[in-house]
Amino acid sequence: MNVRVFQTLLKRELGFYLTTLTGYVILSMVMFLIGLSLLTVILAYNGRAMDAPLTEAFYATPFFWFIVLLACPAITMRSFAHEKSTGTYEALMTTPVSNLQIVFSKFLASWIFYGLMWLPLWGFMVWLGQFFNDPEYLDAGIVGGTALGVMLLGGLFLAIGCLASAATKSQLIAAMLALTLEMVLFMLSFVIELLPDQSGWQATLFGHICLFDHMGDFVRGIINGSHLIFYFTGTGLFLFLTWRWVESRK
């Protein structure tokens, strides 16, 4: 892989998010939802003792999943669809760069932007942590585990979004397709609770893909190897499918 070419592609993709109205609209909406979630936490625990880390209290609000499920399709919907609709996709495909570089630069740019949009949350949590006497509510291990979980979950959903964007010329269709696939994975996380037998292979399977269990551990600062394998393999699979789709349409 030509590092200089890849850096050029990455800067090009990041430039869209950081210099256009679309990127700032996404950032504004995410900051609004983060503010609502933290306000919910403050009102819920005002004057009462907390028996869980602050990160777990934030994760318990519905706003966390709203942010992830809605922001990821919005970020990735333009990745390939916008270039196809404007006619720049064909020009990009004829340049001396590999399809793997194109796919990975688009994914990495979206992942970096996704990480940037969460920065206000950590700032708010540090500010709120000043009002708690117990440092265990917001220690470095818990914050690090939460950040890792948020980034891994986002990486998986962004890879899904890249595949959806590569499959169509319409940004709206790309966003709806990505949201549908993410919702399927999200709804599968409920299956484990509906199984009568919690010791069979079905329980093992759905327990392995349960997003709630994964994030429940991460927000407590628990890093489980099986969770890491799930996200790495899932993200890699969807990026591979995106690459193969681009290859087949070249």
C-alpha atoms as a PDB file:
ATOM      1  CA  MET A   1       0.000   0.000   0.000  1.00  0.00           C
ATOM      2  CA  ASN A   2       1.359   3.420  -1.017  1.00  0.00           C
ATOM      3  CA  VAL A   3       1.300   5.400   2.239  1.00  0.00           C
ATOM      4  CA  ARG A   4       1.437   8.802   0.556  1.00  0.00           C
ATOM      5  CA  VAL A   5      -1.484   7.989  -1.732  1.00  0.00           C
ATOM      6  CA  PHE A   6      -3.453   6.629   1.194  1.00  0.00           C
ATOM      7  CA  GLN A   7      -2.822   9.787   3.211  1.00  0.00           C
ATOM      8  CA  THR A   8      -4.067  11.876   0.303  1.00  0.00           C
ATOM      9  CA  LEU A   9      -7.254   9.818   0.088  1.00  0.00           C
ATOM     10  CA  LEU A  10      -7.750  10.006   3.847  1.00  0.00           C
ATOM     11  CA  LYS A  11      -7.330  13.806   3.901  1.00  0.00           C
ATOM     12  CA  ARG A  12      -9.784  14.069   1.027  1.00  0.00           C
ATOM     13  CA  GLU A  13     -12.430  12.095   2.887  1.00  0.00           C
ATOM     14  CA  LEU A  14     -11.857  13.866   6.209  1.00  0.00           C
ATOM     15  CA  GLY A  15     -12.057  17.199   4.439  1.00  0.00           C
ATOM     16  CA  PHE A  16     -15.646  16.514   3.496  1.00  0.00           C
ATOM     17  CA  TYR A  17     -16.711  15.901   7.075  1.00  0.00           C
ATOM     18  CA  LEU A  18     -14.801  18.851   8.506  1.00  0.00           C
ATOM     19  CA  THR A  19     -15.457  21.484   5.852  1.00  0.00           C
ATOM     20  CA  THR A  20     -19.058  20.890   4.779  1.00  0.00           C
ATOM     21  CA  LEU A  21     -22.406  21.598   6.380  1.00  0.00           C
ATOM     22  CA  THR A  22     -23.262  17.891   6.593  1.00  0.00           C
ATOM     23  CA  GLY A  23     -20.485  17.183   9.074  1.00  0.00           C
ATOM     24  CA  TYR A  24     -21.450  20.061  11.352  1.00  0.00           C
ATOM     25  CA  VAL A  25     -25.129  19.119  11.253  1.00  0.00           C
ATOM     26  CA  ILE A  26     -24.204  15.623  12.451  1.00  0.00           C
ATOM     27  CA  LEU A  27     -21.965  17.060  15.185  1.00  0.00           C
ATOM     28  CA  SER A  28     -24.705  19.449  16.323  1.00  0.00           C
ATOM     29  CA  MET A  29     -27.327  16.716  16.545  1.00  0.00           C
ATOM     30  CA  VAL A  30     -24.981  14.411  18.446  1.00  0.00           C
ATOM     31  CA  MET A  31     -24.044  17.163  20.913  1.00  0.00           C
ATOM     32  CA  PHE A  32     -27.743  17.866  21.438  1.00  0.00           C
ATOM     33  CA  LEU A  33     -28.492  14.205  22.197  1.00  0.00           C
ATOM     34  CA  ILE A  34     -25.433  13.914  24.467  1.00  0.00           C
ATOM     35  CA  GLY A  35     -26.627  16.979  26.350  1.00  0.00           C
ATOM     36  CA  LEU A  36     -30.096  15.468  26.761  1.00  0.00           C
ATOM     37  CA  SER A  37     -28.666  12.195  28.030  1.00  0.00           C
ATOM     38  CA  LEU A  38     -26.466  13.888  30.612  1.00  0.00           C
ATOM     39  CA  LEU A  39     -29.352  16.108  31.692  1.00  0.00           C
ATOM     40  CA  THR A  40     -31.400  12.940  32.182  1.00  0.00           C
ATOM     41  CA  VAL A  41     -28.634  11.463  34.354  1.00  0.00           C
ATOM     42  CA  ILE A  42     -28.322  14.642  36.430  1.00  0.00           C
ATOM     43  CA  LEU A  43     -32.083  14.847  37.044  1.00  0.00           C
ATOM     44  CA  ALA A  44     -32.310  11.137  37.865  1.00  0.00           C
ATOM     45  CA  TYR A  45     -29.486  11.170  40.426  1.00  0.00           C
ATOM     46  CA  ASN A  46     -29.872  14.685  41.810  1.00  0.00           C
ATOM     47  CA  GLY A  47     -29.434  14.414  45.554  1.00  0.00           C
ATOM     48  CA  ARG A  48     -29.197  10.610  45.523  1.00  0.00           C
ATOM     49  CA  ALA A  49     -26.232   8.264  45.791  1.00  0.00           C
ATOM     50  CA  MET A  50     -25.101   6.462  42.647  1.00  0.00           C
ATOM     51  CA  ASP A  51     -24.412   2.727  42.821  1.00  0.00           C
ATOM     52  CA  ALA A  52     -22.919   2.565  39.302  1.00  0.00           C
ATOM     53  CA  PRO A  53     -20.183   4.370  37.361  1.00  0.00           C
ATOM     54  CA  LEU A  54     -21.210   7.544  35.572  1.00  0.00           C
ATOM     55  CA  THR A  55     -20.484   5.866  32.238  1.00  0.00           C
ATOM     56  CA  GLU A  56     -22.989   3.123  33.037  1.00  0.00           C
ATOM     57  CA  ALA A  57     -25.607   5.725  33.968  1.00  0.00           C
ATOM     58  CA  PHE A  58     -25.128   7.409  30.584  1.00  0.00           C
ATOM     59  CA  TYR A  59     -25.315   4.081  28.749  1.00  0.00           C
ATOM     60  CA  ALA A  60     -28.596   3.286  30.546  1.00  0.00           C
ATOM     61  CA  THR A  61     -30.309   6.215  28.790  1.00  0.00           C
ATOM     62  CA  PRO A  62     -31.906   5.532  25.372  1.00  0.00           C
ATOM     63  CA  PHE A  63     -29.975   8.417  23.820  1.00  0.00           C
ATOM     64  CA  PHE A  64     -26.803   6.348  23.510  1.00  0.00           C
ATOM     65  CA  TRP A  65     -28.380   3.947  21.037  1.00  0.00           C
ATOM     66  CA  PHE A  66     -30.165   6.790  19.222  1.00  0.00           C
ATOM     67  CA  ILE A  67     -26.788   8.420  18.603  1.00  0.00           C
ATOM     68  CA  VAL A  68     -25.055   5.271  17.358  1.00  0.00           C
ATOM     69  CA  LEU A  69     -27.931   3.959  15.237  1.00  0.00           C
ATOM     70  CA  LEU A  70     -28.691   7.301  13.574  1.00  0.00           C
ATOM     71  CA  ALA A  71     -25.253   8.895  13.311  1.00  0.00           C
ATOM     72  CA  CYS A  72     -23.452   5.997  11.636  1.00  0.00           C
ATOM     73  CA  PRO A  73     -25.756   5.829   8.561  1.00  0.00           C
ATOM     74  CA  ALA A  74     -25.642   9.631   8.315  1.00  0.00           C
ATOM     75  CA  ILE A  75     -21.835   9.573   8.326  1.00  0.00           C
ATOM     76  CA  THR A  76     -21.355   6.803   5.773  1.00  0.00           C
ATOM     77  CA  MET A  77     -24.275   7.424   3.389  1.00  0.00           C
ATOM     78  CA  ARG A  78     -22.139   9.640   1.131  1.00  0.00           C
ATOM     79  CA  SER A  79     -19.008   7.465   1.141  1.00  0.00           C
ATOM     80  CA  PHE A  80     -19.631   5.869  -2.247  1.00  0.00           C
ATOM     81  CA  ALA A  81     -23.187   6.951  -3.135  1.00  0.00           C
ATOM     82  CA  HIS A  82     -22.294  10.653  -3.334  1.00  0.00           C
ATOM     83  CA  GLU A  83     -19.407   9.968  -5.702  1.00  0.00           C
ATOM     84  CA  LYS A  84     -21.596   7.796  -7.904  1.00  0.00           C
ATOM     85  CA  SER A  85     -24.349  10.415  -8.100  1.00  0.00           C
ATOM     86  CA  THR A  86     -21.933  13.251  -8.928  1.00  0.00           C
ATOM     87  CA  GLY A  87     -19.902  11.293 -11.463  1.00  0.00           C
ATOM     88  CA  THR A  88     -16.609  11.461  -9.578  1.00  0.00           C
ATOM     89  CA  TYR A  89     -16.695   7.745  -8.753  1.00  0.00           C
ATOM     90  CA  GLU A  90     -15.685   6.704 -12.261  1.00  0.00           C
ATOM     91  CA  ALA A  91     -12.780   9.167 -12.217  1.00  0.00           C
ATOM     92  CA  LEU A  92     -11.652   7.845  -8.839  1.00  0.00           C
ATOM     93  CA  MET A  93     -11.749   4.270 -10.094  1.00  0.00           C
ATOM     94  CA  THR A  94      -9.463   5.137 -13.017  1.00  0.00           C
ATOM     95  CA  THR A  95      -6.755   6.686 -10.832  1.00  0.00           C
ATOM     96  CA  PRO A  96      -3.666   4.575  -9.953  1.00  0.00           C
ATOM     97  CA  VAL A  97      -4.931   3.595  -6.487  1.00  0.00           C
ATOM     98  CA  SER A  98      -6.143   0.211  -5.312  1.00  0.00           C
ATOM     99  CA  ASN A  99      -9.733  -0.463  -4.390  1.00  0.00           C
ATOM    100  CA  LEU A 100      -8.545  -1.565  -0.960  1.00  0.00           C
ATOM    101  CA  GLN A 101      -7.008   1.872  -0.373  1.00  0.00           C
ATOM    102  CA  ILE A 102     -10.232   3.563  -1.434  1.00  0.00           C
ATOM    103  CA  VAL A 103     -12.413   1.423   0.821  1.00  0.00           C
ATOM    104  CA  PHE A 104     -10.148   1.650   3.857  1.00  0.00           C
ATOM    105  CA  SER A 105      -9.585   5.418   3.494  1.00  0.00           C
ATOM    106  CA  LYS A 106     -13.322   6.049   3.404  1.00  0.00           C
ATOM    107  CA  PHE A 107     -13.899   3.791   6.398  1.00  0.00           C
ATOM    108  CA  LEU A 108     -11.029   5.230   8.431  1.00  0.00           C
ATOM    109  CA  ALA A 109     -12.101   8.820   7.695  1.00  0.00           C
ATOM    110  CA  SER A 110     -15.638   8.062   8.864  1.00  0.00           C
ATOM    111  CA  TRP A 111     -14.280   6.302  11.966  1.00  0.00           C
ATOM    112  CA  ILE A 112     -12.064   9.277  12.865  1.00  0.00           C
ATOM    113  CA  PHE A 113     -15.000  11.655  12.446  1.00  0.00           C
ATOM    114  CA  TYR A 114     -17.150   9.294  14.537  1.00  0.00           C
ATOM    115  CA  GLY A 115     -14.536   9.457  17.305  1.00  0.00           C
ATOM    116  CA  LEU A 116     -14.419  13.266  17.119  1.00  0.00           C
ATOM    117  CA  MET A 117     -18.159  13.561  17.566  1.00  0.00           C
ATOM    118  CA  TRP A 118     -17.903  11.784  20.950  1.00  0.00           C
ATOM    119  CA  LEU A 119     -15.299  14.190  22.363  1.00  0.00           C
ATOM    120  CA  PRO A 120     -17.939  16.450  24.021  1.00  0.00           C
ATOM    121  CA  LEU A 121     -19.171  13.452  26.036  1.00  0.00           C
ATOM    122  CA  TRP A 122     -15.791  12.897  27.680  1.00  0.00           C
ATOM    123  CA  GLY A 123     -15.508  16.609  28.416  1.00  0.00           C
ATOM    124  CA  PHE A 124     -18.946  16.658  30.027  1.00  0.00           C
ATOM    125  CA  MET A 125     -18.133  13.574  32.091  1.00  0.00           C
ATOM    126  CA  VAL A 126     -14.885  15.068  33.383  1.00  0.00           C
ATOM    127  CA  TRP A 127     -16.809  18.175  34.351  1.00  0.00           C
ATOM    128  CA  LEU A 128     -19.519  16.158  36.120  1.00  0.00           C
ATOM    129  CA  GLY A 129     -16.892  14.026  37.853  1.00  0.00           C
ATOM    130  CA  GLN A 130     -15.820  17.075  39.838  1.00  0.00           C
ATOM    131  CA  PHE A 131     -19.095  16.916  41.745  1.00  0.00           C
ATOM    132  CA  PHE A 132     -18.637  13.322  42.942  1.00  0.00           C
ATOM    133  CA  ASN A 133     -16.647  12.466  46.037  1.00  0.00           C
ATOM    134  CA  ASP A 134     -15.938   8.894  44.950  1.00  0.00           C
ATOM    135  CA  PRO A 135     -13.341   8.784  42.129  1.00  0.00           C
ATOM    136  CA  GLU A 136     -14.457   5.244  41.197  1.00  0.00           C
ATOM    137  CA  TYR A 137     -17.495   6.766  39.514  1.00  0.00           C
ATOM    138  CA  LEU A 138     -15.210   7.976  36.735  1.00  0.00           C
ATOM    139  CA  ASP A 139     -11.768   6.368  36.889  1.00  0.00           C
ATOM    140  CA  ALA A 140      -9.440   5.989  33.913  1.00  0.00           C
ATOM    141  CA  GLY A 141     -10.136   2.273  33.420  1.00  0.00           C
ATOM    142  CA  ILE A 142     -13.880   2.777  33.201  1.00  0.00           C
ATOM    143  CA  VAL A 143     -13.591   5.735  30.824  1.00  0.00           C
ATOM    144  CA  GLY A 144     -11.072   3.845  28.676  1.00  0.00           C
ATOM    145  CA  GLY A 145     -13.274   0.748  28.514  1.00  0.00           C
ATOM    146  CA  THR A 146     -16.302   2.832  27.581  1.00  0.00           C
ATOM    147  CA  ALA A 147     -14.381   4.678  24.876  1.00  0.00           C
ATOM    148  CA  LEU A 148     -13.117   1.368  23.454  1.00  0.00           C
ATOM    149  CA  GLY A 149     -16.626  -0.067  23.383  1.00  0.00           C
ATOM    150  CA  VAL A 150     -18.060   3.031  21.721  1.00  0.00           C
ATOM    151  CA  MET A 151     -15.354   2.987  19.042  1.00  0.00           C
ATOM    152  CA  LEU A 152     -15.649  -0.751  18.347  1.00  0.00           C
ATOM    153  CA  LEU A 153     -19.444  -0.564  18.087  1.00  0.00           C
ATOM    154  CA  GLY A 154     -19.147   2.443  15.802  1.00  0.00           C
ATOM    155  CA  GLY A 155     -16.544   0.700  13.660  1.00  0.00           C
ATOM    156  CA  LEU A 156     -18.902  -2.218  13.069  1.00  0.00           C
ATOM    157  CA  PHE A 157     -21.852   0.010  12.178  1.00  0.00           C
ATOM    158  CA  LEU A 158     -19.702   2.251   9.961  1.00  0.00           C
ATOM    159  CA  ALA A 159     -18.439  -0.803   8.059  1.00  0.00           C
ATOM    160  CA  ILE A 160     -22.073  -1.781   7.506  1.00  0.00           C
ATOM    161  CA  GLY A 161     -22.765   1.749   6.292  1.00  0.00           C
ATOM    162  CA  CYS A 162     -19.851   1.642   3.845  1.00  0.00           C
ATOM    163  CA  LEU A 163     -21.245  -1.548   2.317  1.00  0.00           C
ATOM    164  CA  ALA A 164     -24.703   0.020   2.020  1.00  0.00           C
ATOM    165  CA  SER A 165     -23.276   3.141   0.375  1.00  0.00           C
ATOM    166  CA  ALA A 166     -21.245   1.078  -2.093  1.00  0.00           C
ATOM    167  CA  ALA A 167     -24.397  -0.761  -3.163  1.00  0.00           C
ATOM    168  CA  THR A 168     -26.369   2.273  -4.394  1.00  0.00           C
ATOM    169  CA  LYS A 169     -26.142   5.708  -5.995  1.00  0.00           C
ATOM    170  CA  SER A 170     -28.696   7.252  -3.632  1.00  0.00           C
ATOM    171  CA  GLN A 171     -27.479   8.605  -0.297  1.00  0.00           C
ATOM    172  CA  LEU A 172     -30.980   8.294   1.148  1.00  0.00           C
ATOM    173  CA  ILE A 173     -31.256   4.643   0.141  1.00  0.00           C
ATOM    174  CA  ALA A 174     -27.755   4.024   1.501  1.00  0.00           C
ATOM    175  CA  ALA A 175     -28.731   5.534   4.861  1.00  0.00           C
ATOM    176  CA  MET A 176     -31.978   3.552   5.044  1.00  0.00           C
ATOM    177  CA  LEU A 177     -30.258   0.302   4.063  1.00  0.00           C
ATOM    178  CA  ALA A 178     -27.522   0.827   6.659  1.00  0.00           C
ATOM    179  CA  LEU A 179     -30.089   1.678   9.338  1.00  0.00           C
ATOM    180  CA  THR A 180     -32.095  -1.447   8.471  1.00  0.00           C
ATOM    181  CA  LEU A 181     -29.062  -3.722   8.766  1.00  0.00           C
ATOM    182  CA  GLU A 182     -28.028  -2.077  12.032  1.00  0.00           C
ATOM    183  CA  MET A 183     -31.553  -2.435  13.423  1.00  0.00           C
ATOM    184  CA  VAL A 184     -31.538  -6.145  12.556  1.00  0.00           C
ATOM    185  CA  LEU A 185     -28.327  -6.597  14.537  1.00  0.00           C
ATOM    186  CA  PHE A 186     -29.742  -4.434  17.325  1.00  0.00           C
ATOM    187  CA  MET A 187     -32.988  -6.436  17.527  1.00  0.00           C
ATOM    188  CA  LEU A 188     -31.069  -9.728  17.567  1.00  0.00           C
ATOM    189  CA  SER A 189     -29.613  -8.573  20.879  1.00  0.00           C
ATOM    190  CA  PHE A 190     -33.055  -9.095  22.450  1.00  0.00           C
ATOM    191  CA  VAL A 191     -33.309 -12.745  21.379  1.00  0.00           C
ATOM    192  CA  ILE A 192     -31.149 -14.012  24.250  1.00  0.00           C
ATOM    193  CA  GLU A 193     -33.735 -12.725  26.725  1.00  0.00           C
ATOM    194  CA  LEU A 194     -36.536 -14.637  24.985  1.00  0.00           C
ATOM    195  CA  LEU A 195     -34.888 -18.061  24.912  1.00  0.00           C
ATOM    196  CA  PRO A 196     -36.357 -20.540  27.425  1.00  0.00           C
ATOM    197  CA  ASP A 197     -33.090 -22.475  27.601  1.00  0.00           C
ATOM    198  CA  GLN A 198     -30.141 -20.281  28.552  1.00  0.00           C
ATOM    199  CA  SER A 199     -27.610 -23.131  28.308  1.00  0.00           C
ATOM    200  CA  GLY A 200     -28.066 -24.359  24.723  1.00  0.00           C
ATOM    201  CA  TRP A 201     -26.131 -23.461  21.589  1.00  0.00           C
ATOM    202  CA  GLN A 202     -28.768 -20.882  20.689  1.00  0.00           C
ATOM    203  CA  ALA A 203     -28.085 -19.043  23.933  1.00  0.00           C
ATOM    204  CA  THR A 204     -24.344 -19.185  23.262  1.00  0.00           C
ATOM    205  CA  LEU A 205     -24.795 -17.833  19.735  1.00  0.00           C
ATOM    206  CA  PHE A 206     -27.145 -14.971  20.562  1.00  0.00           C
ATOM    207  CA  GLY A 207     -25.236 -14.200  23.733  1.00  0.00           C
ATOM    208  CA  HIS A 208     -22.102 -13.744  21.614  1.00  0.00           C
ATOM    209  CA  ILE A 209     -23.804 -11.205  19.326  1.00  0.00           C
ATOM    210  CA  CYS A 210     -25.749  -9.390  22.058  1.00  0.00           C
ATOM    211  CA  LEU A 211     -24.680  -5.737  21.785  1.00  0.00           C
ATOM    212  CA  PHE A 212     -26.139  -4.954  25.209  1.00  0.00           C
ATOM    213  CA  ASP A 213     -23.911  -7.478  26.953  1.00  0.00           C
ATOM    214  CA  HIS A 214     -20.872  -6.141  25.127  1.00  0.00           C
ATOM    215  CA  MET A 215     -21.487  -2.511  26.043  1.00  0.00           C
ATOM    216  CA  GLY A 216     -22.591  -3.477  29.541  1.00  0.00           C
ATOM    217  CA  ASP A 217     -19.088  -4.826  30.166  1.00  0.00           C
ATOM    218  CA  PHE A 218     -17.276  -1.978  28.419  1.00  0.00           C
ATOM    219  CA  VAL A 219     -19.012   0.756  30.443  1.00  0.00           C
ATOM    220  CA  ARG A 220     -17.867  -1.002  33.627  1.00  0.00           C
ATOM    221  CA  GLY A 221     -14.287  -1.107  32.407  1.00  0.00           C
ATOM    222  CA  ILE A 222     -14.377  -4.851  31.643  1.00  0.00           C
ATOM    223  CA  ILE A 223     -12.535  -5.888  28.470  1.00  0.00           C
ATOM    224  CA  ASN A 224     -13.662  -9.330  27.310  1.00  0.00           C
ATOM    225  CA  GLY A 225     -11.689 -11.080  24.586  1.00  0.00           C
ATOM    226  CA  SER A 226     -14.822 -12.538  22.989  1.00  0.00           C
ATOM    227  CA  HIS A 227     -16.240  -9.032  22.570  1.00  0.00           C
ATOM    228  CA  LEU A 228     -13.077  -7.881  20.810  1.00  0.00           C
ATOM    229  CA  ILE A 229     -13.171 -10.902  18.476  1.00  0.00           C
ATOM    230  CA  PHE A 230     -16.818 -10.190  17.626  1.00  0.00           C
ATOM    231  CA  TYR A 231     -16.191  -6.568  16.653  1.00  0.00           C
ATOM    232  CA  PHE A 232     -12.927  -7.179  14.818  1.00  0.00           C
ATOM    233  CA  THR A 233     -14.340 -10.055  12.767  1.00  0.00           C
ATOM    234  CA  GLY A 234     -17.661  -8.294  12.128  1.00  0.00           C
ATOM    235  CA  THR A 235     -16.008  -5.065  11.009  1.00  0.00           C
ATOM    236  CA  GLY A 236     -13.496  -6.952   8.901  1.00  0.00           C
ATOM    237  CA  LEU A 237     -16.261  -8.990   7.269  1.00  0.00           C
ATOM    238  CA  PHE A 238     -18.290  -5.966   6.179  1.00  0.00           C
ATOM    239  CA  LEU A 239     -15.192  -4.144   4.936  1.00  0.00           C
ATOM    240  CA  PHE A 240     -14.233  -7.243   2.958  1.00  0.00           C
ATOM    241  CA  LEU A 241     -17.730  -7.365   1.442  1.00  0.00           C
ATOM    242  CA  THR A 242     -17.470  -3.669   0.574  1.00  0.00           C
ATOM    243  CA  TRP A 243     -14.121  -4.241  -1.108  1.00  0.00           C
ATOM    244  CA  ARG A 244     -15.477  -7.200  -3.064  1.00  0.00           C
ATOM    245  CA  TRP A 245     -18.516  -5.154  -4.132  1.00  0.00           C
ATOM    246  CA  VAL A 246     -16.274  -2.340  -5.380  1.00  0.00           C
ATOM    247  CA  GLU A 247     -14.045  -4.851  -7.163  1.00  0.00           C
ATOM    248  CA  SER A 248     -16.997  -6.451  -8.918  1.00  0.00           C
ATOM    249  CA  ARG A 249     -18.334  -3.089 -10.129  1.00  0.00           C
ATOM    250  CA  LYS A 250     -15.004  -1.697 -11.335  1.00  0.00           C
END
